């Protein structure tokens, strides 16, 4: 009588012939799993096309992500509008409004007169020459001269605020007459 060892069901024979088959099956299983991983969606950068619909279902359906749109705040942002011009330039060490800027101030005053809820800040600026304290005071006097003209045009005081930056916010950081000329200004800021 020949006795053979008793094996449990499914156990590989002990002679070592099942080992290569088991490794092959494990390799195929792992390779098959790697191919089922979700792949990232290709990105569309700079194509000018809208982003693709999201593949993730939601209660409301696919979601389209859109780039943020700038909000239109008013006609002072439109280059075709006369309100787009909102900077008044001054001569050196002066608070006198030049005649060529009177129409700019009157245009803004007319708009503010029609839109009583609208407020503006008149931001006074100077060039870098002079002490910090002197330039803050000069920027304040420039903003106040524009404010006084707007009040004379019928604008209510609660629509106007003044603020002086002095030399702190230059339009041009240079150290020349051209830069200084651009920095001596009042900006009508909505």
N, C-alpha and C. Protein backbone atom coordinates (compact mmCIF):
# COMPACT_ATOMS: atom_id res chain seq x y z
N UNK A 1 0.83 -1.15 0.00
CA UNK A 1 0.00 0.00 0.00
C UNK A 1 0.89 1.23 0.00
N UNK A 2 0.52 2.22 -0.79
CA UNK A 2 1.28 3.46 -0.87
C UNK A 2 0.51 4.51 -0.10
N UNK A 3 1.22 5.13 0.78
CA UNK A 3 0.60 6.18 1.58
C UNK A 3 0.97 7.54 1.00
N UNK A 4 0.00 8.34 0.83
CA UNK A 4 0.26 9.72 0.39
C UNK A 4 -0.15 10.65 1.53
N UNK A 5 0.60 11.71 1.67
CA UNK A 5 0.25 12.64 2.76
C UNK A 5 -1.11 13.29 2.49
N UNK A 6 -1.80 13.54 3.55
CA UNK A 6 -3.13 14.17 3.44
C UNK A 6 -2.90 15.69 3.38
N UNK A 7 -3.53 16.27 2.40
CA UNK A 7 -3.44 17.73 2.26
C UNK A 7 -4.80 18.33 2.47
N UNK A 8 -4.80 19.55 2.91
CA UNK A 8 -6.08 20.24 3.01
C UNK A 8 -6.44 20.74 1.62
N UNK A 9 -7.70 20.96 1.44
CA UNK A 9 -8.16 21.42 0.13
C UNK A 9 -7.51 22.75 -0.22
N UNK A 10 -7.14 22.90 -1.44
CA UNK A 10 -6.59 24.16 -1.94
C UNK A 10 -5.15 24.38 -1.57
N UNK A 11 -4.55 23.56 -0.76
CA UNK A 11 -3.16 23.76 -0.39
C UNK A 11 -2.28 23.31 -1.54
N UNK A 12 -1.24 24.04 -1.86
CA UNK A 12 -0.37 23.65 -2.96
C UNK A 12 0.44 22.42 -2.59
N UNK A 13 0.79 21.65 -3.59
CA UNK A 13 1.64 20.49 -3.29
C UNK A 13 2.98 20.95 -2.75
N UNK A 14 3.58 20.15 -1.96
CA UNK A 14 4.81 20.55 -1.28
C UNK A 14 6.06 20.30 -2.11
N UNK A 15 5.88 19.96 -3.33
CA UNK A 15 7.07 19.69 -4.12
C UNK A 15 7.67 20.94 -4.76
N UNK A 16 7.06 22.14 -4.58
CA UNK A 16 7.61 23.38 -5.08
C UNK A 16 7.18 23.74 -6.48
N UNK A 17 6.36 22.93 -7.14
CA UNK A 17 5.96 23.25 -8.51
C UNK A 17 4.88 24.32 -8.56
N UNK A 18 4.20 24.56 -7.48
CA UNK A 18 3.11 25.55 -7.49
C UNK A 18 3.63 26.97 -7.28
N UNK A 19 4.82 27.14 -6.77
CA UNK A 19 5.34 28.47 -6.46
C UNK A 19 5.43 29.38 -7.69
N UNK A 20 6.00 28.97 -8.83
CA UNK A 20 6.03 29.87 -9.98
C UNK A 20 4.63 30.24 -10.46
N UNK A 21 3.69 29.31 -10.39
CA UNK A 21 2.32 29.62 -10.82
C UNK A 21 1.67 30.64 -9.91
N UNK A 22 1.92 30.53 -8.60
CA UNK A 22 1.35 31.48 -7.65
C UNK A 22 1.95 32.87 -7.86
N UNK A 23 3.25 32.95 -8.11
CA UNK A 23 3.87 34.25 -8.37
C UNK A 23 3.34 34.88 -9.64
N UNK A 24 3.12 34.06 -10.67
CA UNK A 24 2.56 34.56 -11.92
C UNK A 24 1.16 35.11 -11.70
N UNK A 25 0.35 34.40 -10.94
CA UNK A 25 -1.02 34.85 -10.67
C UNK A 25 -1.01 36.15 -9.87
N UNK A 26 -0.13 36.26 -8.89
CA UNK A 26 -0.03 37.47 -8.08
C UNK A 26 0.43 38.65 -8.92
N UNK A 27 1.39 38.45 -9.81
CA UNK A 27 1.88 39.51 -10.68
C UNK A 27 0.78 40.01 -11.60
N UNK A 28 0.03 39.08 -12.20
CA UNK A 28 -1.07 39.47 -13.08
C UNK A 28 -2.16 40.21 -12.32
N UNK A 29 -2.42 39.79 -11.09
CA UNK A 29 -3.44 40.46 -10.28
C UNK A 29 -3.02 41.89 -9.97
N UNK A 30 -1.78 42.08 -9.56
CA UNK A 30 -1.30 43.43 -9.25
C UNK A 30 -1.24 44.31 -10.49
N UNK A 31 -0.83 43.77 -11.61
CA UNK A 31 -0.77 44.55 -12.85
C UNK A 31 -2.17 44.95 -13.28
N UNK A 32 -3.12 44.05 -13.10
CA UNK A 32 -4.51 44.38 -13.46
C UNK A 32 -5.08 45.45 -12.57
N UNK A 33 -4.73 45.48 -11.29
CA UNK A 33 -5.23 46.50 -10.37
C UNK A 33 -4.64 47.87 -10.68
N UNK A 34 -3.38 47.90 -11.10
CA UNK A 34 -2.75 49.17 -11.40
C UNK A 34 -3.42 49.85 -12.58
N UNK A 35 -3.93 49.09 -13.52
CA UNK A 35 -4.58 49.68 -14.70
C UNK A 35 -5.96 50.22 -14.41
N UNK A 36 -6.54 49.88 -13.25
CA UNK A 36 -7.88 50.34 -12.94
C UNK A 36 -7.88 51.59 -12.08
N UNK A 37 -6.73 52.13 -11.73
CA UNK A 37 -6.66 53.36 -10.95
C UNK A 37 -7.20 54.52 -11.78
N UNK A 38 -7.99 55.43 -11.16
CA UNK A 38 -8.46 56.59 -11.93
C UNK A 38 -7.29 57.49 -12.29
N UNK A 39 -7.24 57.89 -13.54
CA UNK A 39 -6.18 58.75 -14.02
C UNK A 39 -6.62 60.20 -13.89
N UNK A 40 -5.70 61.12 -13.53
CA UNK A 40 -6.09 62.53 -13.43
C UNK A 40 -6.48 63.07 -14.80
N UNK A 41 -7.46 64.00 -14.77
CA UNK A 41 -7.92 64.59 -16.03
C UNK A 41 -6.86 65.55 -16.55
N UNK A 42 -6.69 65.60 -17.85
CA UNK A 42 -5.72 66.56 -18.40
C UNK A 42 -6.19 67.98 -18.14
N UNK A 43 -5.24 68.85 -17.83
CA UNK A 43 -5.56 70.25 -17.56
C UNK A 43 -5.52 71.05 -18.84
N UNK A 44 -6.43 72.01 -18.96
CA UNK A 44 -6.43 72.89 -20.11
C UNK A 44 -5.97 74.26 -19.62
N UNK A 45 -4.71 74.54 -19.79
CA UNK A 45 -4.13 75.79 -19.33
C UNK A 45 -3.89 76.69 -20.52
N UNK A 46 -4.46 77.89 -20.45
CA UNK A 46 -4.19 78.90 -21.47
C UNK A 46 -4.81 78.61 -22.82
N UNK A 47 -5.80 77.73 -22.90
CA UNK A 47 -6.39 77.43 -24.20
C UNK A 47 -7.50 78.40 -24.55
N UNK A 48 -8.01 79.12 -23.55
CA UNK A 48 -9.11 80.04 -23.81
C UNK A 48 -10.44 79.32 -23.81
N UNK A 49 -10.43 77.98 -23.63
CA UNK A 49 -11.66 77.21 -23.61
C UNK A 49 -12.17 77.12 -22.18
N UNK A 50 -13.49 76.95 -22.02
CA UNK A 50 -13.99 76.79 -20.66
C UNK A 50 -13.52 75.47 -20.08
N UNK A 51 -13.41 75.39 -18.76
CA UNK A 51 -12.96 74.15 -18.15
C UNK A 51 -13.97 73.04 -18.41
N UNK A 52 -13.52 71.75 -18.42
CA UNK A 52 -14.44 70.66 -18.69
C UNK A 52 -15.42 70.47 -17.55
N UNK A 53 -16.53 69.81 -17.85
CA UNK A 53 -17.49 69.48 -16.81
C UNK A 53 -16.84 68.51 -15.84
N UNK A 54 -17.21 68.62 -14.58
CA UNK A 54 -16.68 67.74 -13.57
C UNK A 54 -17.25 66.34 -13.76
N UNK A 55 -16.42 65.31 -13.62
CA UNK A 55 -16.88 63.94 -13.77
C UNK A 55 -17.55 63.45 -12.50
N UNK A 56 -17.42 64.17 -11.40
CA UNK A 56 -18.01 63.77 -10.15
C UNK A 56 -19.49 64.13 -10.16
N UNK A 57 -20.37 63.13 -10.06
CA UNK A 57 -21.79 63.44 -10.06
C UNK A 57 -22.17 64.12 -8.75
N UNK A 58 -23.13 64.99 -8.83
CA UNK A 58 -23.65 65.64 -7.63
C UNK A 58 -25.16 65.61 -7.72
N UNK A 59 -25.78 66.08 -6.68
CA UNK A 59 -27.25 66.10 -6.66
C UNK A 59 -27.78 66.96 -7.79
N UNK A 60 -27.13 68.08 -8.04
CA UNK A 60 -27.59 69.00 -9.09
C UNK A 60 -27.00 68.66 -10.45
N UNK A 61 -26.17 67.65 -10.54
CA UNK A 61 -25.55 67.29 -11.81
C UNK A 61 -24.11 67.76 -11.84
N UNK A 62 -23.47 67.64 -13.00
CA UNK A 62 -22.06 68.06 -13.09
C UNK A 62 -21.91 69.55 -12.82
N UNK A 63 -20.80 69.91 -12.25
CA UNK A 63 -20.54 71.30 -11.90
C UNK A 63 -19.49 71.86 -12.84
N UNK A 64 -19.75 73.02 -13.42
CA UNK A 64 -18.77 73.69 -14.26
C UNK A 64 -18.12 74.77 -13.41
N UNK A 65 -16.81 74.67 -13.32
CA UNK A 65 -16.08 75.70 -12.59
C UNK A 65 -15.69 76.77 -13.57
N UNK A 66 -16.05 78.01 -13.28
CA UNK A 66 -15.75 79.12 -14.18
C UNK A 66 -14.77 80.05 -13.49
N UNK A 67 -13.93 80.70 -14.27
CA UNK A 67 -13.00 81.67 -13.66
C UNK A 67 -13.79 82.84 -13.09
N UNK A 68 -13.24 83.43 -12.06
CA UNK A 68 -13.90 84.57 -11.44
C UNK A 68 -13.97 85.73 -12.42
N UNK A 69 -15.12 86.32 -12.51
CA UNK A 69 -15.30 87.47 -13.41
C UNK A 69 -15.13 88.75 -12.61
N UNK A 70 -14.45 89.72 -13.18
CA UNK A 70 -14.35 91.00 -12.47
C UNK A 70 -15.73 91.65 -12.41
N UNK A 71 -16.00 92.28 -11.31
CA UNK A 71 -17.29 92.94 -11.17
C UNK A 71 -17.18 94.37 -11.64
N UNK A 72 -18.23 94.83 -12.28
CA UNK A 72 -18.29 96.21 -12.76
C UNK A 72 -18.77 97.06 -11.59
N UNK A 73 -17.91 97.97 -11.17
CA UNK A 73 -18.26 98.80 -10.03
C UNK A 73 -18.85 100.13 -10.44
N UNK A 74 -18.51 100.63 -11.61
CA UNK A 74 -19.05 101.90 -12.03
C UNK A 74 -18.37 102.45 -13.26
N UNK A 75 -18.92 103.56 -13.80
CA UNK A 75 -18.39 104.11 -15.05
C UNK A 75 -16.96 104.65 -14.94
N UNK A 76 -16.47 104.86 -13.74
CA UNK A 76 -15.09 105.34 -13.58
C UNK A 76 -14.08 104.27 -13.96
N UNK A 77 -14.53 103.02 -14.19
CA UNK A 77 -13.64 101.95 -14.64
C UNK A 77 -13.64 101.79 -16.15
N UNK A 78 -14.50 102.50 -16.85
CA UNK A 78 -14.64 102.38 -18.30
C UNK A 78 -13.77 103.44 -18.98
N UNK A 79 -12.76 103.03 -19.76
CA UNK A 79 -11.89 104.02 -20.41
C UNK A 79 -12.64 104.97 -21.34
N UNK A 80 -13.82 104.59 -21.81
CA UNK A 80 -14.59 105.46 -22.70
C UNK A 80 -15.40 106.51 -21.91
N UNK A 81 -15.48 106.37 -20.61
CA UNK A 81 -16.26 107.28 -19.78
C UNK A 81 -15.43 108.50 -19.37
N UNK A 82 -16.05 109.67 -19.30
CA UNK A 82 -15.30 110.84 -18.80
C UNK A 82 -14.91 110.69 -17.33
N UNK A 83 -15.58 109.80 -16.60
CA UNK A 83 -15.23 109.58 -15.20
C UNK A 83 -13.96 108.75 -15.04
N UNK A 84 -13.48 108.17 -16.12
CA UNK A 84 -12.26 107.37 -16.08
C UNK A 84 -11.05 108.24 -15.69
N UNK A 85 -11.09 109.49 -16.06
CA UNK A 85 -10.03 110.43 -15.69
C UNK A 85 -10.33 110.92 -14.28
N UNK A 86 -9.54 110.48 -13.33
CA UNK A 86 -9.83 110.80 -11.93
C UNK A 86 -8.59 111.26 -11.16
N UNK A 87 -7.59 111.75 -11.87
CA UNK A 87 -6.38 112.24 -11.23
C UNK A 87 -6.17 113.71 -11.57
N UNK A 88 -5.94 114.51 -10.56
CA UNK A 88 -5.68 115.94 -10.71
C UNK A 88 -4.23 116.18 -10.29
N UNK A 89 -3.43 116.75 -11.18
CA UNK A 89 -2.01 116.98 -10.91
C UNK A 89 -1.79 118.42 -10.46
N UNK A 90 -0.75 118.59 -9.65
CA UNK A 90 -0.44 119.90 -9.06
C UNK A 90 0.99 120.31 -9.39
N UNK A 91 1.22 121.62 -9.33
CA UNK A 91 2.58 122.14 -9.46
C UNK A 91 3.34 121.91 -8.16
N UNK A 92 4.65 122.09 -8.22
CA UNK A 92 5.50 121.90 -7.06
C UNK A 92 5.07 122.81 -5.92
N UNK A 93 4.90 122.21 -4.74
CA UNK A 93 4.58 122.93 -3.50
C UNK A 93 3.32 123.79 -3.64
N UNK A 94 2.34 123.31 -4.40
CA UNK A 94 1.13 124.09 -4.66
C UNK A 94 -0.11 123.27 -4.35
N UNK A 95 -1.17 123.99 -3.96
CA UNK A 95 -2.48 123.38 -3.77
C UNK A 95 -3.50 123.96 -4.75
N UNK A 96 -3.02 124.80 -5.65
CA UNK A 96 -3.91 125.44 -6.63
C UNK A 96 -4.25 124.46 -7.75
N UNK A 97 -5.55 124.36 -8.03
CA UNK A 97 -6.02 123.45 -9.09
C UNK A 97 -5.79 124.11 -10.44
N UNK A 98 -5.10 123.42 -11.32
CA UNK A 98 -4.84 123.95 -12.66
C UNK A 98 -6.14 123.98 -13.47
N UNK A 99 -6.28 124.95 -14.37
CA UNK A 99 -7.52 125.08 -15.16
C UNK A 99 -7.88 123.84 -15.98
N UNK A 100 -6.89 123.10 -16.47
CA UNK A 100 -7.20 121.93 -17.29
C UNK A 100 -7.86 120.80 -16.49
N UNK A 101 -7.85 120.87 -15.17
CA UNK A 101 -8.48 119.82 -14.35
C UNK A 101 -9.84 120.23 -13.80
N UNK A 102 -10.28 121.42 -14.10
CA UNK A 102 -11.60 121.86 -13.63
C UNK A 102 -12.71 121.01 -14.22
N UNK A 103 -12.61 120.66 -15.51
CA UNK A 103 -13.64 119.83 -16.13
C UNK A 103 -13.67 118.42 -15.52
N UNK A 104 -12.53 117.89 -15.16
CA UNK A 104 -12.49 116.57 -14.52
C UNK A 104 -13.26 116.61 -13.21
N UNK A 105 -13.00 117.63 -12.42
CA UNK A 105 -13.66 117.76 -11.12
C UNK A 105 -15.16 118.02 -11.31
N UNK A 106 -15.53 118.84 -12.27
CA UNK A 106 -16.95 119.11 -12.53
C UNK A 106 -17.69 117.87 -13.03
N UNK A 107 -17.03 117.06 -13.84
CA UNK A 107 -17.65 115.83 -14.33
C UNK A 107 -17.93 114.88 -13.17
N UNK A 108 -16.97 114.72 -12.29
CA UNK A 108 -17.18 113.85 -11.12
C UNK A 108 -18.23 114.44 -10.19
N UNK A 109 -18.24 115.76 -10.06
CA UNK A 109 -19.25 116.40 -9.22
C UNK A 109 -20.65 116.19 -9.79
N UNK A 110 -20.80 116.29 -11.10
CA UNK A 110 -22.11 116.07 -11.72
C UNK A 110 -22.57 114.62 -11.48
N UNK A 111 -21.67 113.68 -11.61
CA UNK A 111 -22.02 112.28 -11.38
C UNK A 111 -22.42 112.06 -9.92
N UNK A 112 -21.66 112.62 -9.01
CA UNK A 112 -21.99 112.47 -7.59
C UNK A 112 -23.31 113.15 -7.25
N UNK A 113 -23.60 114.25 -7.94
CA UNK A 113 -24.87 114.93 -7.72
C UNK A 113 -26.06 114.08 -8.17
N UNK A 114 -25.87 113.28 -9.20
CA UNK A 114 -26.95 112.41 -9.69
C UNK A 114 -27.06 111.11 -8.89
N UNK A 115 -25.98 110.70 -8.25
CA UNK A 115 -25.98 109.46 -7.47
C UNK A 115 -25.66 109.80 -6.02
N UNK A 116 -26.69 110.21 -5.31
CA UNK A 116 -26.50 110.72 -3.95
C UNK A 116 -25.93 109.69 -2.98
N UNK A 117 -26.11 108.42 -3.23
CA UNK A 117 -25.58 107.39 -2.33
C UNK A 117 -24.11 107.10 -2.55
N UNK A 118 -23.53 107.62 -3.60
CA UNK A 118 -22.13 107.34 -3.94
C UNK A 118 -21.20 108.23 -3.12
N UNK A 119 -20.12 107.62 -2.61
CA UNK A 119 -19.12 108.37 -1.85
C UNK A 119 -17.77 108.24 -2.55
N UNK A 120 -16.92 109.23 -2.37
CA UNK A 120 -15.55 109.18 -2.89
C UNK A 120 -14.57 109.60 -1.80
N UNK A 121 -13.34 109.13 -1.97
CA UNK A 121 -12.25 109.57 -1.12
C UNK A 121 -11.28 110.33 -2.01
N UNK A 122 -10.91 111.51 -1.58
CA UNK A 122 -9.95 112.34 -2.30
C UNK A 122 -8.59 112.09 -1.66
N UNK A 123 -7.72 111.40 -2.40
CA UNK A 123 -6.43 110.98 -1.87
C UNK A 123 -5.33 111.94 -2.31
N UNK A 124 -4.79 112.68 -1.37
CA UNK A 124 -3.72 113.64 -1.66
C UNK A 124 -2.35 112.99 -1.61
N UNK A 125 -1.52 113.34 -2.59
CA UNK A 125 -0.16 112.77 -2.71
C UNK A 125 0.82 113.88 -3.04
N UNK A 126 2.09 113.63 -2.70
CA UNK A 126 3.15 114.59 -2.99
C UNK A 126 4.35 113.84 -3.57
N UNK A 127 5.34 114.61 -4.01
CA UNK A 127 6.59 113.96 -4.40
C UNK A 127 7.43 113.75 -3.14
N UNK A 128 8.61 113.19 -3.30
CA UNK A 128 9.43 112.80 -2.15
C UNK A 128 10.18 113.96 -1.49
N UNK A 129 10.19 115.11 -2.12
CA UNK A 129 10.94 116.23 -1.55
C UNK A 129 10.17 116.82 -0.37
N UNK A 130 10.86 117.19 0.66
CA UNK A 130 10.23 117.71 1.87
C UNK A 130 10.19 116.63 2.95
N UNK A 131 9.91 117.06 4.17
CA UNK A 131 9.84 116.10 5.28
C UNK A 131 8.54 115.31 5.20
N UNK A 132 8.51 114.22 5.90
CA UNK A 132 7.31 113.38 5.92
C UNK A 132 6.11 114.17 6.42
N UNK A 133 6.29 114.91 7.51
CA UNK A 133 5.19 115.69 8.09
C UNK A 133 4.71 116.77 7.13
N UNK A 134 5.64 117.45 6.49
CA UNK A 134 5.27 118.50 5.54
C UNK A 134 4.49 117.91 4.37
N UNK A 135 4.96 116.78 3.85
CA UNK A 135 4.29 116.16 2.71
C UNK A 135 2.91 115.64 3.06
N UNK A 136 2.73 115.10 4.27
CA UNK A 136 1.39 114.68 4.69
C UNK A 136 0.44 115.88 4.76
N UNK A 137 0.94 116.99 5.29
CA UNK A 137 0.10 118.20 5.38
C UNK A 137 -0.20 118.76 3.98
N UNK A 138 0.79 118.74 3.08
CA UNK A 138 0.58 119.23 1.72
C UNK A 138 -0.42 118.35 0.97
N UNK A 139 -0.31 117.03 1.12
CA UNK A 139 -1.27 116.11 0.50
C UNK A 139 -2.68 116.36 1.00
N UNK A 140 -2.79 116.65 2.30
CA UNK A 140 -4.09 116.95 2.89
C UNK A 140 -4.66 118.25 2.33
N UNK A 141 -3.82 119.28 2.19
CA UNK A 141 -4.29 120.56 1.64
C UNK A 141 -4.72 120.41 0.18
N UNK A 142 -4.01 119.60 -0.59
CA UNK A 142 -4.40 119.36 -1.99
C UNK A 142 -5.76 118.66 -2.06
N UNK A 143 -5.95 117.63 -1.24
CA UNK A 143 -7.24 116.94 -1.22
C UNK A 143 -8.35 117.89 -0.78
N UNK A 144 -8.05 118.74 0.16
CA UNK A 144 -9.06 119.71 0.65
C UNK A 144 -9.41 120.74 -0.42
N UNK A 145 -8.45 121.13 -1.26
CA UNK A 145 -8.77 122.10 -2.33
C UNK A 145 -9.72 121.47 -3.35
N UNK A 146 -9.55 120.19 -3.65
CA UNK A 146 -10.48 119.51 -4.56
C UNK A 146 -11.84 119.36 -3.88
N UNK A 147 -11.84 119.03 -2.61
CA UNK A 147 -13.08 118.90 -1.85
C UNK A 147 -13.88 120.20 -1.85
N UNK A 148 -13.19 121.32 -1.63
CA UNK A 148 -13.88 122.61 -1.60
C UNK A 148 -14.53 122.94 -2.94
N UNK A 149 -13.84 122.63 -4.03
CA UNK A 149 -14.41 122.87 -5.36
C UNK A 149 -15.63 121.97 -5.59
N UNK A 150 -15.56 120.73 -5.15
CA UNK A 150 -16.70 119.82 -5.32
C UNK A 150 -17.89 120.26 -4.46
N UNK A 151 -17.61 120.75 -3.28
CA UNK A 151 -18.69 121.29 -2.45
C UNK A 151 -19.33 122.51 -3.12
N UNK A 152 -18.52 123.34 -3.74
CA UNK A 152 -19.05 124.51 -4.46
C UNK A 152 -19.90 124.09 -5.65
N UNK A 153 -19.64 122.90 -6.19
CA UNK A 153 -20.42 122.36 -7.31
C UNK A 153 -21.72 121.71 -6.84
N UNK A 154 -21.95 121.67 -5.52
CA UNK A 154 -23.22 121.16 -5.01
C UNK A 154 -23.17 119.77 -4.40
N UNK A 155 -22.00 119.20 -4.26
CA UNK A 155 -21.88 117.88 -3.65
C UNK A 155 -22.02 118.02 -2.14
N UNK A 156 -22.71 117.06 -1.52
CA UNK A 156 -22.86 117.12 -0.07
C UNK A 156 -21.59 116.62 0.62
N UNK A 157 -21.33 117.17 1.79
CA UNK A 157 -20.10 116.85 2.52
C UNK A 157 -20.02 115.37 2.89
N UNK A 158 -21.16 114.72 3.11
CA UNK A 158 -21.11 113.30 3.50
C UNK A 158 -20.72 112.38 2.33
N UNK A 159 -20.66 112.90 1.11
CA UNK A 159 -20.22 112.11 -0.03
C UNK A 159 -18.71 112.18 -0.23
N UNK A 160 -18.04 113.06 0.51
CA UNK A 160 -16.61 113.30 0.29
C UNK A 160 -15.81 113.01 1.56
N UNK A 161 -14.70 112.33 1.38
CA UNK A 161 -13.73 112.12 2.46
C UNK A 161 -12.36 112.46 1.89
N UNK A 162 -11.48 112.96 2.74
CA UNK A 162 -10.12 113.27 2.29
C UNK A 162 -9.14 112.39 3.05
N UNK A 163 -8.03 112.12 2.38
CA UNK A 163 -6.98 111.29 2.95
C UNK A 163 -5.66 111.72 2.32
N UNK A 164 -4.64 111.85 3.15
CA UNK A 164 -3.32 112.22 2.62
C UNK A 164 -2.35 111.06 2.79
N UNK A 165 -1.70 110.73 1.69
CA UNK A 165 -0.62 109.74 1.74
C UNK A 165 0.74 110.41 1.72
N UNK A 166 0.77 111.72 1.50
CA UNK A 166 2.05 112.40 1.40
C UNK A 166 2.88 111.78 0.29
N UNK A 167 4.09 111.38 0.61
CA UNK A 167 5.00 110.78 -0.38
C UNK A 167 4.95 109.25 -0.35
N UNK A 168 4.05 108.66 0.46
CA UNK A 168 4.06 107.22 0.72
C UNK A 168 3.60 106.34 -0.43
N UNK A 169 2.81 106.85 -1.36
CA UNK A 169 2.30 106.04 -2.47
C UNK A 169 2.64 106.71 -3.80
N UNK A 170 3.90 106.67 -4.19
CA UNK A 170 4.27 107.34 -5.45
C UNK A 170 3.70 106.61 -6.67
N UNK A 171 3.29 107.38 -7.64
CA UNK A 171 2.87 106.80 -8.93
C UNK A 171 4.10 106.34 -9.69
N UNK A 172 5.20 107.04 -9.51
CA UNK A 172 6.47 106.70 -10.14
C UNK A 172 7.55 106.77 -9.06
N UNK A 173 8.24 105.68 -8.77
CA UNK A 173 9.23 105.68 -7.69
C UNK A 173 10.55 106.35 -8.06
N UNK A 174 10.65 106.92 -9.24
CA UNK A 174 11.90 107.54 -9.68
C UNK A 174 12.24 108.80 -8.90
N UNK A 175 13.43 109.32 -9.19
CA UNK A 175 13.93 110.51 -8.49
C UNK A 175 14.26 111.60 -9.50
N UNK A 176 13.32 111.87 -10.38
CA UNK A 176 13.53 112.88 -11.42
C UNK A 176 12.31 113.80 -11.46
N UNK A 177 12.46 114.88 -12.21
CA UNK A 177 11.34 115.82 -12.34
C UNK A 177 10.11 115.14 -12.95
N UNK A 178 10.34 114.23 -13.89
CA UNK A 178 9.21 113.51 -14.52
C UNK A 178 8.47 112.68 -13.47
N UNK A 179 9.20 111.98 -12.62
CA UNK A 179 8.57 111.17 -11.57
C UNK A 179 7.87 112.07 -10.56
N UNK A 180 8.52 113.13 -10.15
CA UNK A 180 7.91 114.03 -9.16
C UNK A 180 6.62 114.65 -9.69
N UNK A 181 6.60 114.99 -10.98
CA UNK A 181 5.39 115.59 -11.58
C UNK A 181 4.22 114.62 -11.51
N UNK A 182 4.47 113.31 -11.70
CA UNK A 182 3.40 112.31 -11.64
C UNK A 182 2.94 112.03 -10.21
N UNK A 183 3.79 112.31 -9.25
CA UNK A 183 3.46 112.02 -7.85
C UNK A 183 2.69 113.14 -7.16
N UNK A 184 2.73 114.35 -7.69
CA UNK A 184 2.01 115.49 -7.09
C UNK A 184 0.58 115.47 -7.60
N UNK A 185 -0.32 114.81 -6.84
CA UNK A 185 -1.67 114.58 -7.38
C UNK A 185 -2.69 114.35 -6.27
N UNK A 186 -3.96 114.45 -6.71
CA UNK A 186 -5.10 114.00 -5.92
C UNK A 186 -5.85 113.01 -6.78
N UNK A 187 -6.17 111.86 -6.22
CA UNK A 187 -6.92 110.84 -6.93
C UNK A 187 -8.34 110.81 -6.36
N UNK A 188 -9.32 110.88 -7.26
CA UNK A 188 -10.72 110.74 -6.85
C UNK A 188 -11.00 109.24 -6.86
N UNK A 189 -11.11 108.67 -5.68
CA UNK A 189 -11.22 107.21 -5.54
C UNK A 189 -12.64 106.81 -5.11
N UNK A 190 -13.31 106.07 -5.99
CA UNK A 190 -14.67 105.58 -5.70
C UNK A 190 -14.61 104.32 -4.88
